[in-house]
Structures are given as structure tokens and as C-alpha cells.
Amino acid sequence: MPKIENTNASQIMRSQANKARQAEQRKDTVGSQRGERSARSDQTALSPRARLLSTARKALESASDVRREKIEAIQQEILDGNYQVDVEELAKRLSSLLES
């Protein structure tokens, strides 16, 4: 009984793969010659999270410059060490969130 070596096995596998590819190409060629549309089509779909992130990004980009300027001013105050938090106001807002 002849021994099958790895090189022979890989050559056989490549040959079979090539035959399958050629058969598929012939099938596509025959279909296109007949004027048939290929059954294959590329599609993409966004996940719900990706759609949400896209919507959020658009909302941020369309936000007014006034809001952006306020955020930049607060960021600068934080960096300078001058930002003060109104502890009572923070507590009120947190408690109202917890009650909801």
C-alpha cells in the first residue's frame, strides 16, 4: 500500500480546492451569459448599539457652540484647580435621580 505523505495530501487538497473554484467560476459565467443575476450580494448591517452611537455622535456634532464653550471653560477650571462643586446642589440633584 503506498504511503501518503503530507506534501501529497496538501497537493491533493489544493487541487480539489482549485477544481471547486473553477466549477464555481464556470457556474457564475454561465449564469451571467444567460443574463441571470448572481445570487450573491454583499450586505452590511449596523447593530442597534452602533446605530445609537451614530445618533449620539450626530447630536453632539450638531450641539451649539455655546454649550461647547461652557464645557471647555469648565474643563479649564478643573485643570487649573479652580472648579468648585456646590455640594448642596449636587445632593439635591442626586436625590431627585434616586427618587425617580
N, C-alpha and C. Protein backbone atom coordinates (compact mmCIF):
# COMPACT_ATOMS: atom_id res chain seq x y z
N MET A 1 0.85 -1.18 0.00
CA MET A 1 0.00 0.00 0.00
C MET A 1 0.90 1.24 0.00
N PRO A 2 0.66 2.19 -0.94
CA PRO A 2 1.52 3.38 -0.98
C PRO A 2 1.26 4.29 0.21
N LYS A 3 2.31 4.88 0.68
CA LYS A 3 2.21 5.80 1.82
C LYS A 3 1.91 7.20 1.30
N ILE A 4 0.92 7.85 1.92
CA ILE A 4 0.58 9.22 1.55
C ILE A 4 1.38 10.16 2.44
N GLU A 5 2.17 10.98 1.80
CA GLU A 5 2.97 11.94 2.55
C GLU A 5 2.20 13.26 2.67
N ASN A 6 2.63 14.07 3.61
CA ASN A 6 1.95 15.35 3.83
C ASN A 6 1.96 16.22 2.57
N THR A 7 3.06 16.18 1.81
CA THR A 7 3.13 17.01 0.61
C THR A 7 2.09 16.54 -0.40
N ASN A 8 1.90 15.22 -0.52
CA ASN A 8 0.89 14.71 -1.44
C ASN A 8 -0.51 15.11 -0.98
N ALA A 9 -0.76 15.03 0.30
CA ALA A 9 -2.07 15.38 0.83
C ALA A 9 -2.37 16.86 0.60
N SER A 10 -1.38 17.72 0.81
CA SER A 10 -1.62 19.15 0.60
C SER A 10 -1.81 19.46 -0.88
N GLN A 11 -1.09 18.74 -1.74
CA GLN A 11 -1.28 18.93 -3.19
C GLN A 11 -2.69 18.49 -3.61
N ILE A 12 -3.16 17.39 -3.06
CA ILE A 12 -4.50 16.89 -3.38
C ILE A 12 -5.55 17.90 -2.91
N MET A 13 -5.36 18.43 -1.70
CA MET A 13 -6.31 19.40 -1.16
C MET A 13 -6.34 20.67 -2.01
N ARG A 14 -5.14 21.15 -2.44
CA ARG A 14 -5.09 22.33 -3.29
C ARG A 14 -5.77 22.08 -4.62
N SER A 15 -5.55 20.87 -5.17
CA SER A 15 -6.15 20.51 -6.45
C SER A 15 -7.68 20.50 -6.35
N GLN A 16 -8.19 19.92 -5.28
CA GLN A 16 -9.64 19.87 -5.07
C GLN A 16 -10.21 21.27 -4.90
N ALA A 17 -9.51 22.11 -4.16
CA ALA A 17 -9.97 23.48 -3.95
C ALA A 17 -9.99 24.24 -5.27
N ASN A 18 -8.97 24.05 -6.08
CA ASN A 18 -8.92 24.71 -7.39
C ASN A 18 -10.07 24.24 -8.29
N LYS A 19 -10.34 22.95 -8.27
CA LYS A 19 -11.44 22.41 -9.07
C LYS A 19 -12.78 23.00 -8.63
N ALA A 20 -12.96 23.12 -7.33
CA ALA A 20 -14.21 23.69 -6.80
C ALA A 20 -14.33 25.16 -7.21
N ARG A 21 -13.22 25.92 -7.14
CA ARG A 21 -13.23 27.32 -7.55
C ARG A 21 -13.55 27.46 -9.04
N GLN A 22 -12.94 26.60 -9.84
CA GLN A 22 -13.18 26.65 -11.29
C GLN A 22 -14.64 26.33 -11.61
N ALA A 23 -15.18 25.33 -10.92
CA ALA A 23 -16.59 24.97 -11.14
C ALA A 23 -17.50 26.14 -10.78
N GLU A 24 -17.19 26.82 -9.68
CA GLU A 24 -17.99 27.97 -9.26
C GLU A 24 -17.88 29.10 -10.28
N GLN A 25 -16.68 29.32 -10.80
CA GLN A 25 -16.48 30.37 -11.80
C GLN A 25 -17.25 30.04 -13.08
N ARG A 26 -17.23 28.76 -13.49
CA ARG A 26 -17.98 28.37 -14.68
C ARG A 26 -19.47 28.59 -14.46
N LYS A 27 -19.94 28.26 -13.27
CA LYS A 27 -21.36 28.45 -12.94
C LYS A 27 -21.73 29.93 -13.01
N ASP A 28 -20.87 30.81 -12.45
CA ASP A 28 -21.13 32.25 -12.49
C ASP A 28 -21.09 32.77 -13.92
N THR A 29 -20.15 32.26 -14.71
CA THR A 29 -20.01 32.71 -16.10
C THR A 29 -21.23 32.32 -16.91
N VAL A 30 -21.68 31.08 -16.74
CA VAL A 30 -22.86 30.61 -17.48
C VAL A 30 -24.08 31.43 -17.08
N GLY A 31 -24.24 31.70 -15.81
CA GLY A 31 -25.38 32.49 -15.35
C GLY A 31 -25.35 33.90 -15.89
N SER A 32 -24.15 34.52 -15.93
CA SER A 32 -24.08 35.89 -16.43
C SER A 32 -24.25 35.93 -17.94
N GLN A 33 -23.85 34.86 -18.64
CA GLN A 33 -24.05 34.80 -20.09
C GLN A 33 -25.53 34.69 -20.41
N ARG A 34 -26.28 34.07 -19.55
CA ARG A 34 -27.73 33.93 -19.75
C ARG A 34 -28.47 35.19 -19.30
N GLY A 35 -27.76 36.12 -18.75
CA GLY A 35 -28.40 37.35 -18.29
C GLY A 35 -28.98 37.21 -16.89
N GLU A 36 -28.65 36.15 -16.18
CA GLU A 36 -29.16 35.95 -14.83
C GLU A 36 -28.32 36.75 -13.85
N ARG A 37 -28.97 37.22 -12.83
CA ARG A 37 -28.25 37.93 -11.77
C ARG A 37 -27.63 36.93 -10.83
N SER A 38 -26.47 37.24 -10.35
CA SER A 38 -25.81 36.38 -9.37
C SER A 38 -26.61 36.40 -8.08
N ALA A 39 -26.70 35.27 -7.43
CA ALA A 39 -27.46 35.17 -6.18
C ALA A 39 -26.71 35.80 -5.02
N ARG A 40 -25.44 36.07 -5.23
CA ARG A 40 -24.63 36.65 -4.16
C ARG A 40 -24.79 38.16 -4.12
N SER A 41 -24.78 38.70 -2.93
CA SER A 41 -24.77 40.14 -2.77
C SER A 41 -24.14 40.46 -1.42
N ASP A 42 -23.42 41.56 -1.40
CA ASP A 42 -22.78 41.99 -0.16
C ASP A 42 -23.74 42.88 0.60
N GLN A 43 -23.81 42.66 1.89
CA GLN A 43 -24.68 43.46 2.73
C GLN A 43 -23.96 43.79 4.02
N THR A 44 -24.28 44.93 4.56
CA THR A 44 -23.80 45.29 5.89
C THR A 44 -24.99 45.70 6.73
N ALA A 45 -24.88 45.48 8.00
CA ALA A 45 -25.95 45.87 8.91
C ALA A 45 -25.31 46.38 10.19
N LEU A 46 -25.82 47.49 10.68
CA LEU A 46 -25.32 48.04 11.93
C LEU A 46 -26.10 47.47 13.10
N SER A 47 -25.38 47.19 14.15
CA SER A 47 -26.05 46.70 15.35
C SER A 47 -26.83 47.86 15.97
N PRO A 48 -27.79 47.55 16.83
CA PRO A 48 -28.55 48.62 17.49
C PRO A 48 -27.63 49.58 18.26
N ARG A 49 -26.58 49.03 18.87
CA ARG A 49 -25.65 49.89 19.62
C ARG A 49 -24.90 50.83 18.68
N ALA A 50 -24.48 50.32 17.53
CA ALA A 50 -23.77 51.16 16.56
C ALA A 50 -24.67 52.27 16.05
N ARG A 51 -25.96 51.95 15.82
CA ARG A 51 -26.90 52.98 15.38
C ARG A 51 -27.08 54.05 16.47
N LEU A 52 -27.15 53.60 17.72
CA LEU A 52 -27.30 54.54 18.84
C LEU A 52 -26.08 55.45 18.95
N LEU A 53 -24.89 54.86 18.82
CA LEU A 53 -23.66 55.66 18.89
C LEU A 53 -23.59 56.66 17.74
N SER A 54 -24.02 56.24 16.57
CA SER A 54 -24.03 57.14 15.42
C SER A 54 -24.99 58.31 15.66
N THR A 55 -26.15 58.02 16.20
CA THR A 55 -27.12 59.07 16.51
C THR A 55 -26.58 60.03 17.57
N ALA A 56 -25.94 59.46 18.58
CA ALA A 56 -25.36 60.29 19.65
C ALA A 56 -24.26 61.18 19.10
N ARG A 57 -23.42 60.63 18.22
CA ARG A 57 -22.33 61.42 17.64
C ARG A 57 -22.89 62.58 16.82
N LYS A 58 -23.93 62.30 16.03
CA LYS A 58 -24.54 63.36 15.23
C LYS A 58 -25.13 64.44 16.12
N ALA A 59 -25.74 64.04 17.23
CA ALA A 59 -26.32 65.01 18.16
C ALA A 59 -25.23 65.88 18.78
N LEU A 60 -24.11 65.27 19.13
CA LEU A 60 -23.00 66.04 19.70
C LEU A 60 -22.42 67.01 18.68
N GLU A 61 -22.29 66.55 17.44
CA GLU A 61 -21.72 67.40 16.41
C GLU A 61 -22.64 68.59 16.10
N SER A 62 -23.94 68.39 16.26
CA SER A 62 -24.86 69.47 15.96
C SER A 62 -25.16 70.35 17.19
N ALA A 63 -24.57 70.02 18.33
CA ALA A 63 -24.80 70.82 19.54
C ALA A 63 -24.26 72.23 19.32
N SER A 64 -24.89 73.17 19.97
CA SER A 64 -24.49 74.57 19.78
C SER A 64 -23.10 74.81 20.33
N ASP A 65 -22.44 75.82 19.77
CA ASP A 65 -21.10 76.18 20.22
C ASP A 65 -21.11 76.74 21.63
N VAL A 66 -22.25 77.31 22.04
CA VAL A 66 -22.36 77.86 23.39
C VAL A 66 -22.13 76.76 24.41
N ARG A 67 -22.76 75.64 24.19
CA ARG A 67 -22.61 74.51 25.11
C ARG A 67 -21.15 74.04 25.11
N ARG A 68 -20.56 73.97 23.93
CA ARG A 68 -19.17 73.52 23.80
C ARG A 68 -18.24 74.48 24.53
N GLU A 69 -18.51 75.78 24.41
CA GLU A 69 -17.69 76.77 25.09
C GLU A 69 -17.80 76.63 26.61
N LYS A 70 -19.01 76.34 27.08
CA LYS A 70 -19.21 76.15 28.52
C LYS A 70 -18.43 74.94 29.02
N ILE A 71 -18.46 73.87 28.26
CA ILE A 71 -17.74 72.65 28.63
C ILE A 71 -16.24 72.92 28.66
N GLU A 72 -15.74 73.62 27.65
CA GLU A 72 -14.31 73.93 27.60
C GLU A 72 -13.90 74.82 28.78
N ALA A 73 -14.76 75.76 29.15
CA ALA A 73 -14.46 76.65 30.29
C ALA A 73 -14.39 75.85 31.59
N ILE A 74 -15.34 74.93 31.77
CA ILE A 74 -15.34 74.09 32.99
C ILE A 74 -14.11 73.18 33.00
N GLN A 75 -13.77 72.61 31.84
CA GLN A 75 -12.57 71.76 31.77
C GLN A 75 -11.33 72.55 32.16
N GLN A 76 -11.24 73.78 31.70
CA GLN A 76 -10.08 74.61 32.03
C GLN A 76 -10.04 74.92 33.53
N GLU A 77 -11.22 75.20 34.13
CA GLU A 77 -11.28 75.44 35.57
C GLU A 77 -10.80 74.21 36.35
N ILE A 78 -11.20 73.02 35.87
CA ILE A 78 -10.76 71.78 36.53
C ILE A 78 -9.25 71.64 36.43
N LEU A 79 -8.71 71.88 35.23
CA LEU A 79 -7.27 71.77 35.03
C LEU A 79 -6.50 72.77 35.89
N ASP A 80 -7.06 73.97 36.04
CA ASP A 80 -6.40 75.00 36.85
C ASP A 80 -6.59 74.78 38.35
N GLY A 81 -7.50 73.87 38.71
CA GLY A 81 -7.75 73.61 40.13
C GLY A 81 -8.71 74.62 40.75
N ASN A 82 -9.46 75.33 39.93
CA ASN A 82 -10.37 76.37 40.42
C ASN A 82 -11.83 75.97 40.38
N TYR A 83 -12.14 74.79 39.94
CA TYR A 83 -13.55 74.38 39.82
C TYR A 83 -14.11 74.02 41.18
N GLN A 84 -15.22 74.65 41.53
CA GLN A 84 -15.86 74.41 42.82
C GLN A 84 -17.20 73.72 42.61
N VAL A 85 -17.46 72.69 43.38
CA VAL A 85 -18.72 71.96 43.29
C VAL A 85 -19.64 72.44 44.40
N ASP A 86 -20.86 72.79 44.05
CA ASP A 86 -21.88 73.17 45.03
C ASP A 86 -22.44 71.85 45.58
N VAL A 87 -21.97 71.48 46.76
CA VAL A 87 -22.30 70.19 47.35
C VAL A 87 -23.81 70.05 47.61
N GLU A 88 -24.45 71.10 48.04
CA GLU A 88 -25.88 71.04 48.31
C GLU A 88 -26.67 70.82 47.02
N GLU A 89 -26.30 71.54 45.97
CA GLU A 89 -26.99 71.37 44.68
C GLU A 89 -26.77 69.96 44.14
N LEU A 90 -25.57 69.46 44.29
CA LEU A 90 -25.26 68.10 43.84
C LEU A 90 -26.10 67.08 44.60
N ALA A 91 -26.22 67.24 45.89
CA ALA A 91 -27.02 66.33 46.71
C ALA A 91 -28.49 66.37 46.30
N LYS A 92 -29.03 67.56 46.04
CA LYS A 92 -30.42 67.68 45.61
C LYS A 92 -30.65 66.94 44.29
N ARG A 93 -29.76 67.15 43.36
CA ARG A 93 -29.93 66.51 42.05
C ARG A 93 -29.77 64.99 42.13
N LEU A 94 -28.85 64.53 42.95
CA LEU A 94 -28.67 63.09 43.11
C LEU A 94 -29.88 62.46 43.77
N SER A 95 -30.41 63.11 44.76
CA SER A 95 -31.58 62.55 45.46
C SER A 95 -32.79 62.52 44.53
N SER A 96 -32.94 63.54 43.69
CA SER A 96 -34.08 63.53 42.75
C SER A 96 -33.92 62.41 41.72
N LEU A 97 -32.70 62.10 41.34
CA LEU A 97 -32.47 60.98 40.42
C LEU A 97 -32.80 59.64 41.08
N LEU A 98 -32.48 59.52 42.35
CA LEU A 98 -32.73 58.27 43.07
C LEU A 98 -34.22 58.08 43.34
N GLU A 99 -34.97 59.16 43.48
CA GLU A 99 -36.41 59.07 43.73
C GLU A 99 -37.19 58.69 42.49
N SER A 100 -36.63 58.95 41.32
CA SER A 100 -37.35 58.68 40.07
C SER A 100 -37.49 57.21 39.80
